[in-house]
Amino acid sequence: GLRTHILVIDDGSRDGTADVARAH
């Protein structure tokens, strides 16, 4: 019954991991 919030900790990726996370 509690809303989830997702935090992706991008550990220095250079492949667009952070952009994909934000897009989702």
mmCIF file of all heavy atoms, coordinates in Angstrom:
data_MODEL
# 
_entry.id   MODEL 
# 
loop_
_atom_site.group_PDB 
_atom_site.id 
_atom_site.type_symbol 
_atom_site.label_atom_id 
_atom_site.label_alt_id 
_atom_site.label_comp_id 
_atom_site.label_asym_id 
_atom_site.label_entity_id 
_atom_site.label_seq_id 
_atom_site.pdbx_PDB_ins_code 
_atom_site.Cartn_x 
_atom_site.Cartn_y 
_atom_site.Cartn_z 
_atom_site.occupancy 
_atom_site.B_iso_or_equiv 
_atom_site.pdbx_formal_charge 
_atom_site.auth_seq_id 
_atom_site.auth_comp_id 
_atom_site.auth_asym_id 
_atom_site.auth_atom_id 
_atom_site.pdbx_PDB_model_num 
ATOM 1   N N   . GLY A 1 1  ? 0.781  -1.230 0.000   1.00 0.00 ? 1  GLY A N   1 
ATOM 2   C CA  . GLY A 1 1  ? 0.000  0.000  0.000   1.00 0.00 ? 1  GLY A CA  1 
ATOM 3   C C   . GLY A 1 1  ? 0.813  1.280  0.000   1.00 0.00 ? 1  GLY A C   1 
ATOM 4   O O   . GLY A 1 1  ? 0.252  2.372  0.059   1.00 0.00 ? 1  GLY A O   1 
ATOM 5   N N   . LEU A 1 2  ? 2.136  1.163  -0.092  1.00 0.00 ? 2  LEU A N   1 
ATOM 6   C CA  . LEU A 1 2  ? 3.005  2.339  -0.108  1.00 0.00 ? 2  LEU A CA  1 
ATOM 7   C C   . LEU A 1 2  ? 3.593  2.522  -1.501  1.00 0.00 ? 2  LEU A C   1 
ATOM 8   O O   . LEU A 1 2  ? 4.049  1.564  -2.131  1.00 0.00 ? 2  LEU A O   1 
ATOM 9   C CB  . LEU A 1 2  ? 4.145  2.183  0.910   1.00 0.00 ? 2  LEU A CB  1 
ATOM 10  C CG  . LEU A 1 2  ? 3.716  2.037  2.359   1.00 0.00 ? 2  LEU A CG  1 
ATOM 11  C CD1 . LEU A 1 2  ? 4.910  1.674  3.224   1.00 0.00 ? 2  LEU A CD1 1 
ATOM 12  C CD2 . LEU A 1 2  ? 3.060  3.323  2.849   1.00 0.00 ? 2  LEU A CD2 1 
ATOM 13  N N   . ARG A 1 3  ? 3.597  3.747  -1.977  1.00 0.00 ? 3  ARG A N   1 
ATOM 14  C CA  . ARG A 1 3  ? 4.154  4.061  -3.292  1.00 0.00 ? 3  ARG A CA  1 
ATOM 15  C C   . ARG A 1 3  ? 5.663  3.817  -3.296  1.00 0.00 ? 3  ARG A C   1 
ATOM 16  O O   . ARG A 1 3  ? 6.351  4.130  -2.327  1.00 0.00 ? 3  ARG A O   1 
ATOM 17  C CB  . ARG A 1 3  ? 3.855  5.513  -3.633  1.00 0.00 ? 3  ARG A CB  1 
ATOM 18  C CG  . ARG A 1 3  ? 4.341  5.894  -4.998  1.00 0.00 ? 3  ARG A CG  1 
ATOM 19  C CD  . ARG A 1 3  ? 3.856  7.269  -5.384  1.00 0.00 ? 3  ARG A CD  1 
ATOM 20  N NE  . ARG A 1 3  ? 4.461  7.621  -6.656  1.00 0.00 ? 3  ARG A NE  1 
ATOM 21  C CZ  . ARG A 1 3  ? 4.879  8.815  -6.969  1.00 0.00 ? 3  ARG A CZ  1 
ATOM 22  N NH1 . ARG A 1 3  ? 4.735  9.803  -6.115  1.00 0.00 ? 3  ARG A NH1 1 
ATOM 23  N NH2 . ARG A 1 3  ? 5.421  9.047  -8.136  1.00 0.00 ? 3  ARG A NH2 1 
ATOM 24  N N   . THR A 1 4  ? 6.169  3.281  -4.383  1.00 0.00 ? 4  THR A N   1 
ATOM 25  C CA  . THR A 1 4  ? 7.613  3.099  -4.521  1.00 0.00 ? 4  THR A CA  1 
ATOM 26  C C   . THR A 1 4  ? 8.202  4.239  -5.349  1.00 0.00 ? 4  THR A C   1 
ATOM 27  O O   . THR A 1 4  ? 7.564  4.767  -6.256  1.00 0.00 ? 4  THR A O   1 
ATOM 28  C CB  . THR A 1 4  ? 7.972  1.758  -5.194  1.00 0.00 ? 4  THR A CB  1 
ATOM 29  O OG1 . THR A 1 4  ? 7.334  1.686  -6.461  1.00 0.00 ? 4  THR A OG1 1 
ATOM 30  C CG2 . THR A 1 4  ? 7.561  0.582  -4.336  1.00 0.00 ? 4  THR A CG2 1 
ATOM 31  N N   . HIS A 1 5  ? 9.411  4.611  -4.986  1.00 0.00 ? 5  HIS A N   1 
ATOM 32  C CA  . HIS A 1 5  ? 10.200 5.597  -5.722  1.00 0.00 ? 5  HIS A CA  1 
ATOM 33  C C   . HIS A 1 5  ? 11.506 4.903  -6.074  1.00 0.00 ? 5  HIS A C   1 
ATOM 34  O O   . HIS A 1 5  ? 12.106 4.250  -5.222  1.00 0.00 ? 5  HIS A O   1 
ATOM 35  C CB  . HIS A 1 5  ? 10.486 6.819  -4.860  1.00 0.00 ? 5  HIS A CB  1 
ATOM 36  C CG  . HIS A 1 5  ? 9.247  7.459  -4.319  1.00 0.00 ? 5  HIS A CG  1 
ATOM 37  N ND1 . HIS A 1 5  ? 8.469  8.327  -5.049  1.00 0.00 ? 5  HIS A ND1 1 
ATOM 38  C CD2 . HIS A 1 5  ? 8.636  7.323  -3.120  1.00 0.00 ? 5  HIS A CD2 1 
ATOM 39  C CE1 . HIS A 1 5  ? 7.437  8.714  -4.312  1.00 0.00 ? 5  HIS A CE1 1 
ATOM 40  N NE2 . HIS A 1 5  ? 7.512  8.115  -3.142  1.00 0.00 ? 5  HIS A NE2 1 
ATOM 41  N N   . ILE A 1 6  ? 11.930 5.048  -7.313  1.00 0.00 ? 6  ILE A N   1 
ATOM 42  C CA  . ILE A 1 6  ? 13.132 4.351  -7.761  1.00 0.00 ? 6  ILE A CA  1 
ATOM 43  C C   . ILE A 1 6  ? 14.286 5.331  -7.865  1.00 0.00 ? 6  ILE A C   1 
ATOM 44  O O   . ILE A 1 6  ? 14.174 6.381  -8.498  1.00 0.00 ? 6  ILE A O   1 
ATOM 45  C CB  . ILE A 1 6  ? 12.896 3.670  -9.112  1.00 0.00 ? 6  ILE A CB  1 
ATOM 46  C CG1 . ILE A 1 6  ? 11.721 2.698  -9.018  1.00 0.00 ? 6  ILE A CG1 1 
ATOM 47  C CG2 . ILE A 1 6  ? 14.173 2.960  -9.577  1.00 0.00 ? 6  ILE A CG2 1 
ATOM 48  C CD1 . ILE A 1 6  ? 11.258 2.169  -10.353 1.00 0.00 ? 6  ILE A CD1 1 
ATOM 49  N N   . LEU A 1 7  ? 15.401 4.959  -7.245  1.00 0.00 ? 7  LEU A N   1 
ATOM 50  C CA  . LEU A 1 7  ? 16.637 5.727  -7.337  1.00 0.00 ? 7  LEU A CA  1 
ATOM 51  C C   . LEU A 1 7  ? 17.696 4.844  -7.971  1.00 0.00 ? 7  LEU A C   1 
ATOM 52  O O   . LEU A 1 7  ? 18.044 3.799  -7.419  1.00 0.00 ? 7  LEU A O   1 
ATOM 53  C CB  . LEU A 1 7  ? 17.106 6.180  -5.951  1.00 0.00 ? 7  LEU A CB  1 
ATOM 54  C CG  . LEU A 1 7  ? 18.477 6.841  -5.898  1.00 0.00 ? 7  LEU A CG  1 
ATOM 55  C CD1 . LEU A 1 7  ? 18.484 8.139  -6.702  1.00 0.00 ? 7  LEU A CD1 1 
ATOM 56  C CD2 . LEU A 1 7  ? 18.886 7.102  -4.452  1.00 0.00 ? 7  LEU A CD2 1 
ATOM 57  N N   . VAL A 1 8  ? 18.161 5.223  -9.141  1.00 0.00 ? 8  VAL A N   1 
ATOM 58  C CA  . VAL A 1 8  ? 19.252 4.505  -9.793  1.00 0.00 ? 8  VAL A CA  1 
ATOM 59  C C   . VAL A 1 8  ? 20.548 5.215  -9.444  1.00 0.00 ? 8  VAL A C   1 
ATOM 60  O O   . VAL A 1 8  ? 20.675 6.430  -9.641  1.00 0.00 ? 8  VAL A O   1 
ATOM 61  C CB  . VAL A 1 8  ? 19.047 4.435  -11.320 1.00 0.00 ? 8  VAL A CB  1 
ATOM 62  C CG1 . VAL A 1 8  ? 20.280 3.856  -12.015 1.00 0.00 ? 8  VAL A CG1 1 
ATOM 63  C CG2 . VAL A 1 8  ? 17.808 3.607  -11.656 1.00 0.00 ? 8  VAL A CG2 1 
ATOM 64  N N   . ILE A 1 9  ? 21.487 4.458  -8.900  1.00 0.00 ? 9  ILE A N   1 
ATOM 65  C CA  . ILE A 1 9  ? 22.806 4.999  -8.582  1.00 0.00 ? 9  ILE A CA  1 
ATOM 66  C C   . ILE A 1 9  ? 23.726 4.574  -9.714  1.00 0.00 ? 9  ILE A C   1 
ATOM 67  O O   . ILE A 1 9  ? 24.148 3.425  -9.800  1.00 0.00 ? 9  ILE A O   1 
ATOM 68  C CB  . ILE A 1 9  ? 23.331 4.490  -7.217  1.00 0.00 ? 9  ILE A CB  1 
ATOM 69  C CG1 . ILE A 1 9  ? 22.379 4.909  -6.099  1.00 0.00 ? 9  ILE A CG1 1 
ATOM 70  C CG2 . ILE A 1 9  ? 24.719 5.039  -6.946  1.00 0.00 ? 9  ILE A CG2 1 
ATOM 71  C CD1 . ILE A 1 9  ? 21.546 3.797  -5.584  1.00 0.00 ? 9  ILE A CD1 1 
ATOM 72  N N   . ASP A 1 10 ? 23.978 5.507  -10.612 1.00 0.00 ? 10 ASP A N   1 
ATOM 73  C CA  . ASP A 1 10 ? 24.811 5.246  -11.782 1.00 0.00 ? 10 ASP A CA  1 
ATOM 74  C C   . ASP A 1 10 ? 26.274 5.384  -11.367 1.00 0.00 ? 10 ASP A C   1 
ATOM 75  O O   . ASP A 1 10 ? 26.725 6.464  -11.001 1.00 0.00 ? 10 ASP A O   1 
ATOM 76  C CB  . ASP A 1 10 ? 24.458 6.244  -12.881 1.00 0.00 ? 10 ASP A CB  1 
ATOM 77  C CG  . ASP A 1 10 ? 25.361 6.137  -14.087 1.00 0.00 ? 10 ASP A CG  1 
ATOM 78  O OD1 . ASP A 1 10 ? 25.920 5.059  -14.325 1.00 0.00 ? 10 ASP A OD1 1 
ATOM 79  O OD2 . ASP A 1 10 ? 25.505 7.154  -14.792 1.00 0.00 ? 10 ASP A OD2 1 
ATOM 80  N N   . ASP A 1 11 ? 26.995 4.281  -11.432 1.00 0.00 ? 11 ASP A N   1 
ATOM 81  C CA  . ASP A 1 11 ? 28.364 4.235  -10.926 1.00 0.00 ? 11 ASP A CA  1 
ATOM 82  C C   . ASP A 1 11 ? 29.396 4.510  -12.016 1.00 0.00 ? 11 ASP A C   1 
ATOM 83  O O   . ASP A 1 11 ? 30.259 3.692  -12.294 1.00 0.00 ? 11 ASP A O   1 
ATOM 84  C CB  . ASP A 1 11 ? 28.612 2.876  -10.270 1.00 0.00 ? 11 ASP A CB  1 
ATOM 85  C CG  . ASP A 1 11 ? 29.848 2.871  -9.390  1.00 0.00 ? 11 ASP A CG  1 
ATOM 86  O OD1 . ASP A 1 11 ? 30.341 3.967  -9.040  1.00 0.00 ? 11 ASP A OD1 1 
ATOM 87  O OD2 . ASP A 1 11 ? 30.323 1.774  -9.053  1.00 0.00 ? 11 ASP A OD2 1 
ATOM 88  N N   . GLY A 1 12 ? 29.273 5.671  -12.668 1.00 0.00 ? 12 GLY A N   1 
ATOM 89  C CA  . GLY A 1 12 ? 30.260 6.088  -13.651 1.00 0.00 ? 12 GLY A CA  1 
ATOM 90  C C   . GLY A 1 12 ? 30.056 5.514  -15.040 1.00 0.00 ? 12 GLY A C   1 
ATOM 91  O O   . GLY A 1 12 ? 30.995 5.476  -15.838 1.00 0.00 ? 12 GLY A O   1 
ATOM 92  N N   . SER A 1 13 ? 28.855 5.115  -15.377 1.00 0.00 ? 13 SER A N   1 
ATOM 93  C CA  . SER A 1 13 ? 28.584 4.538  -16.702 1.00 0.00 ? 13 SER A CA  1 
ATOM 94  C C   . SER A 1 13 ? 28.810 5.564  -17.805 1.00 0.00 ? 13 SER A C   1 
ATOM 95  O O   . SER A 1 13 ? 28.582 6.754  -17.629 1.00 0.00 ? 13 SER A O   1 
ATOM 96  C CB  . SER A 1 13 ? 27.130 4.060  -16.791 1.00 0.00 ? 13 SER A CB  1 
ATOM 97  O OG  . SER A 1 13 ? 26.845 3.095  -15.809 1.00 0.00 ? 13 SER A OG  1 
ATOM 98  N N   . ARG A 1 14 ? 29.230 5.062  -18.960 1.00 0.00 ? 14 ARG A N   1 
ATOM 99  C CA  . ARG A 1 14 ? 29.401 5.918  -20.135 1.00 0.00 ? 14 ARG A CA  1 
ATOM 100 C C   . ARG A 1 14 ? 28.492 5.483  -21.279 1.00 0.00 ? 14 ARG A C   1 
ATOM 101 O O   . ARG A 1 14 ? 28.621 5.984  -22.391 1.00 0.00 ? 14 ARG A O   1 
ATOM 102 C CB  . ARG A 1 14 ? 30.847 5.865  -20.609 1.00 0.00 ? 14 ARG A CB  1 
ATOM 103 C CG  . ARG A 1 14 ? 31.818 6.417  -19.604 1.00 0.00 ? 14 ARG A CG  1 
ATOM 104 C CD  . ARG A 1 14 ? 33.191 6.447  -20.177 1.00 0.00 ? 14 ARG A CD  1 
ATOM 105 N NE  . ARG A 1 14 ? 34.158 6.240  -19.102 1.00 0.00 ? 14 ARG A NE  1 
ATOM 106 C CZ  . ARG A 1 14 ? 35.448 6.271  -19.284 1.00 0.00 ? 14 ARG A CZ  1 
ATOM 107 N NH1 . ARG A 1 14 ? 35.949 6.460  -20.469 1.00 0.00 ? 14 ARG A NH1 1 
ATOM 108 N NH2 . ARG A 1 14 ? 36.251 6.079  -18.267 1.00 0.00 ? 14 ARG A NH2 1 
ATOM 109 N N   . ASP A 1 15 ? 27.590 4.551  -20.998 1.00 0.00 ? 15 ASP A N   1 
ATOM 110 C CA  . ASP A 1 15 ? 26.762 3.977  -22.064 1.00 0.00 ? 15 ASP A CA  1 
ATOM 111 C C   . ASP A 1 15 ? 25.331 4.514  -22.098 1.00 0.00 ? 15 ASP A C   1 
ATOM 112 O O   . ASP A 1 15 ? 24.490 3.980  -22.800 1.00 0.00 ? 15 ASP A O   1 
ATOM 113 C CB  . ASP A 1 15 ? 26.728 2.460  -21.923 1.00 0.00 ? 15 ASP A CB  1 
ATOM 114 C CG  . ASP A 1 15 ? 25.975 1.992  -20.685 1.00 0.00 ? 15 ASP A CG  1 
ATOM 115 O OD1 . ASP A 1 15 ? 25.676 2.825  -19.813 1.00 0.00 ? 15 ASP A OD1 1 
ATOM 116 O OD2 . ASP A 1 15 ? 25.693 0.779  -20.589 1.00 0.00 ? 15 ASP A OD2 1 
ATOM 117 N N   . GLY A 1 16 ? 25.030 5.548  -21.341 1.00 0.00 ? 16 GLY A N   1 
ATOM 118 C CA  . GLY A 1 16 ? 23.672 6.080  -21.341 1.00 0.00 ? 16 GLY A CA  1 
ATOM 119 C C   . GLY A 1 16 ? 22.767 5.486  -20.283 1.00 0.00 ? 16 GLY A C   1 
ATOM 120 O O   . GLY A 1 16 ? 21.554 5.679  -20.320 1.00 0.00 ? 16 GLY A O   1 
ATOM 121 N N   . THR A 1 17 ? 23.340 4.779  -19.317 1.00 0.00 ? 17 THR A N   1 
ATOM 122 C CA  . THR A 1 17 ? 22.551 4.177  -18.246 1.00 0.00 ? 17 THR A CA  1 
ATOM 123 C C   . THR A 1 17 ? 21.679 5.222  -17.548 1.00 0.00 ? 17 THR A C   1 
ATOM 124 O O   . THR A 1 17 ? 20.489 4.993  -17.322 1.00 0.00 ? 17 THR A O   1 
ATOM 125 C CB  . THR A 1 17 ? 23.472 3.476  -17.230 1.00 0.00 ? 17 THR A CB  1 
ATOM 126 O OG1 . THR A 1 17 ? 24.077 2.340  -17.866 1.00 0.00 ? 17 THR A OG1 1 
ATOM 127 C CG2 . THR A 1 17 ? 22.716 3.013  -16.002 1.00 0.00 ? 17 THR A CG2 1 
ATOM 128 N N   . ALA A 1 18 ? 22.242 6.363  -17.203 1.00 0.00 ? 18 ALA A N   1 
ATOM 129 C CA  . ALA A 1 18 ? 21.480 7.406  -16.501 1.00 0.00 ? 18 ALA A CA  1 
ATOM 130 C C   . ALA A 1 18 ? 20.318 7.911  -17.346 1.00 0.00 ? 18 ALA A C   1 
ATOM 131 O O   . ALA A 1 18 ? 19.214 8.136  -16.836 1.00 0.00 ? 18 ALA A O   1 
ATOM 132 C CB  . ALA A 1 18 ? 22.397 8.558  -16.107 1.00 0.00 ? 18 ALA A CB  1 
ATOM 133 N N   . ASP A 1 19 ? 20.541 8.091  -18.640 1.00 0.00 ? 19 ASP A N   1 
ATOM 134 C CA  . ASP A 1 19 ? 19.476 8.566  -19.532 1.00 0.00 ? 19 ASP A CA  1 
ATOM 135 C C   . ASP A 1 19 ? 18.334 7.555  -19.616 1.00 0.00 ? 19 ASP A C   1 
ATOM 136 O O   . ASP A 1 19 ? 17.167 7.926  -19.603 1.00 0.00 ? 19 ASP A O   1 
ATOM 137 C CB  . ASP A 1 19 ? 20.035 8.831  -20.930 1.00 0.00 ? 19 ASP A CB  1 
ATOM 138 C CG  . ASP A 1 19 ? 21.033 9.979  -20.954 1.00 0.00 ? 19 ASP A CG  1 
ATOM 139 O OD1 . ASP A 1 19 ? 20.908 10.902 -20.106 1.00 0.00 ? 19 ASP A OD1 1 
ATOM 140 O OD2 . ASP A 1 19 ? 21.933 9.951  -21.809 1.00 0.00 ? 19 ASP A OD2 1 
ATOM 141 N N   . VAL A 1 20 ? 18.677 6.271  -19.700 1.00 0.00 ? 20 VAL A N   1 
ATOM 142 C CA  . VAL A 1 20 ? 17.657 5.221  -19.747 1.00 0.00 ? 20 VAL A CA  1 
ATOM 143 C C   . VAL A 1 20 ? 16.859 5.213  -18.446 1.00 0.00 ? 20 VAL A C   1 
ATOM 144 O O   . VAL A 1 20 ? 15.631 5.110  -18.464 1.00 0.00 ? 20 VAL A O   1 
ATOM 145 C CB  . VAL A 1 20 ? 18.307 3.840  -20.006 1.00 0.00 ? 20 VAL A CB  1 
ATOM 146 C CG1 . VAL A 1 20 ? 17.326 2.711  -19.751 1.00 0.00 ? 20 VAL A CG1 1 
ATOM 147 C CG2 . VAL A 1 20 ? 18.847 3.775  -21.412 1.00 0.00 ? 20 VAL A CG2 1 
ATOM 148 N N   . ALA A 1 21 ? 17.541 5.349  -17.322 1.00 0.00 ? 21 ALA A N   1 
ATOM 149 C CA  . ALA A 1 21 ? 16.860 5.364  -16.029 1.00 0.00 ? 21 ALA A CA  1 
ATOM 150 C C   . ALA A 1 21 ? 15.866 6.523  -15.957 1.00 0.00 ? 21 ALA A C   1 
ATOM 151 O O   . ALA A 1 21 ? 14.709 6.338  -15.557 1.00 0.00 ? 21 ALA A O   1 
ATOM 152 C CB  . ALA A 1 21 ? 17.880 5.457  -14.899 1.00 0.00 ? 21 ALA A CB  1 
ATOM 153 N N   . ARG A 1 22 ? 16.308 7.703  -16.344 1.00 0.00 ? 22 ARG A N   1 
ATOM 154 C CA  . ARG A 1 22 ? 15.414 8.874  -16.323 1.00 0.00 ? 22 ARG A CA  1 
ATOM 155 C C   . ARG A 1 22 ? 14.227 8.687  -17.269 1.00 0.00 ? 22 ARG A C   1 
ATOM 156 O O   . ARG A 1 22 ? 13.102 9.059  -16.951 1.00 0.00 ? 22 ARG A O   1 
ATOM 157 C CB  . ARG A 1 22 ? 16.186 10.129 -16.696 1.00 0.00 ? 22 ARG A CB  1 
ATOM 158 C CG  . ARG A 1 22 ? 17.064 10.640 -15.598 1.00 0.00 ? 22 ARG A CG  1 
ATOM 159 C CD  . ARG A 1 22 ? 17.710 11.992 -15.965 1.00 0.00 ? 22 ARG A CD  1 
ATOM 160 N NE  . ARG A 1 22 ? 18.812 12.255 -15.089 1.00 0.00 ? 22 ARG A NE  1 
ATOM 161 C CZ  . ARG A 1 22 ? 20.087 11.975 -15.358 1.00 0.00 ? 22 ARG A CZ  1 
ATOM 162 N NH1 . ARG A 1 22 ? 20.431 11.444 -16.525 1.00 0.00 ? 22 ARG A NH1 1 
ATOM 163 N NH2 . ARG A 1 22 ? 21.032 12.234 -14.482 1.00 0.00 ? 22 ARG A NH2 1 
ATOM 164 N N   . ALA A 1 23 ? 14.492 8.114  -18.437 1.00 0.00 ? 23 ALA A N   1 
ATOM 165 C CA  . ALA A 1 23 ? 13.423 7.895  -19.416 1.00 0.00 ? 23 ALA A CA  1 
ATOM 166 C C   . ALA A 1 23 ? 12.351 6.946  -18.882 1.00 0.00 ? 23 ALA A C   1 
ATOM 167 O O   . ALA A 1 23 ? 11.206 7.003  -19.316 1.00 0.00 ? 23 ALA A O   1 
ATOM 168 C CB  . ALA A 1 23 ? 14.009 7.349  -20.712 1.00 0.00 ? 23 ALA A CB  1 
ATOM 169 N N   . HIS A 1 24 ? 12.732 6.100  -17.925 1.00 0.00 ? 24 HIS A N   1 
ATOM 170 C CA  . HIS A 1 24 ? 11.777 5.164  -17.319 1.00 0.00 ? 24 HIS A CA  1 
ATOM 171 C C   . HIS A 1 24 ? 11.226 5.691  -15.992 1.00 0.00 ? 24 HIS A C   1 
ATOM 172 O O   . HIS A 1 24 ? 10.642 4.938  -15.218 1.00 0.00 ? 24 HIS A O   1 
ATOM 173 C CB  . HIS A 1 24 ? 12.422 3.788  -17.138 1.00 0.00 ? 24 HIS A CB  1 
ATOM 174 C CG  . HIS A 1 24 ? 12.547 3.049  -18.425 1.00 0.00 ? 24 HIS A CG  1 
ATOM 175 N ND1 . HIS A 1 24 ? 13.587 3.255  -19.310 1.00 0.00 ? 24 HIS A ND1 1 
ATOM 176 C CD2 . HIS A 1 24 ? 11.740 2.137  -19.003 1.00 0.00 ? 24 HIS A CD2 1 
ATOM 177 C CE1 . HIS A 1 24 ? 13.418 2.488  -20.371 1.00 0.00 ? 24 HIS A CE1 1 
ATOM 178 N NE2 . HIS A 1 24 ? 12.297 1.792  -20.203 1.00 0.00 ? 24 HIS A NE2 1 
# 
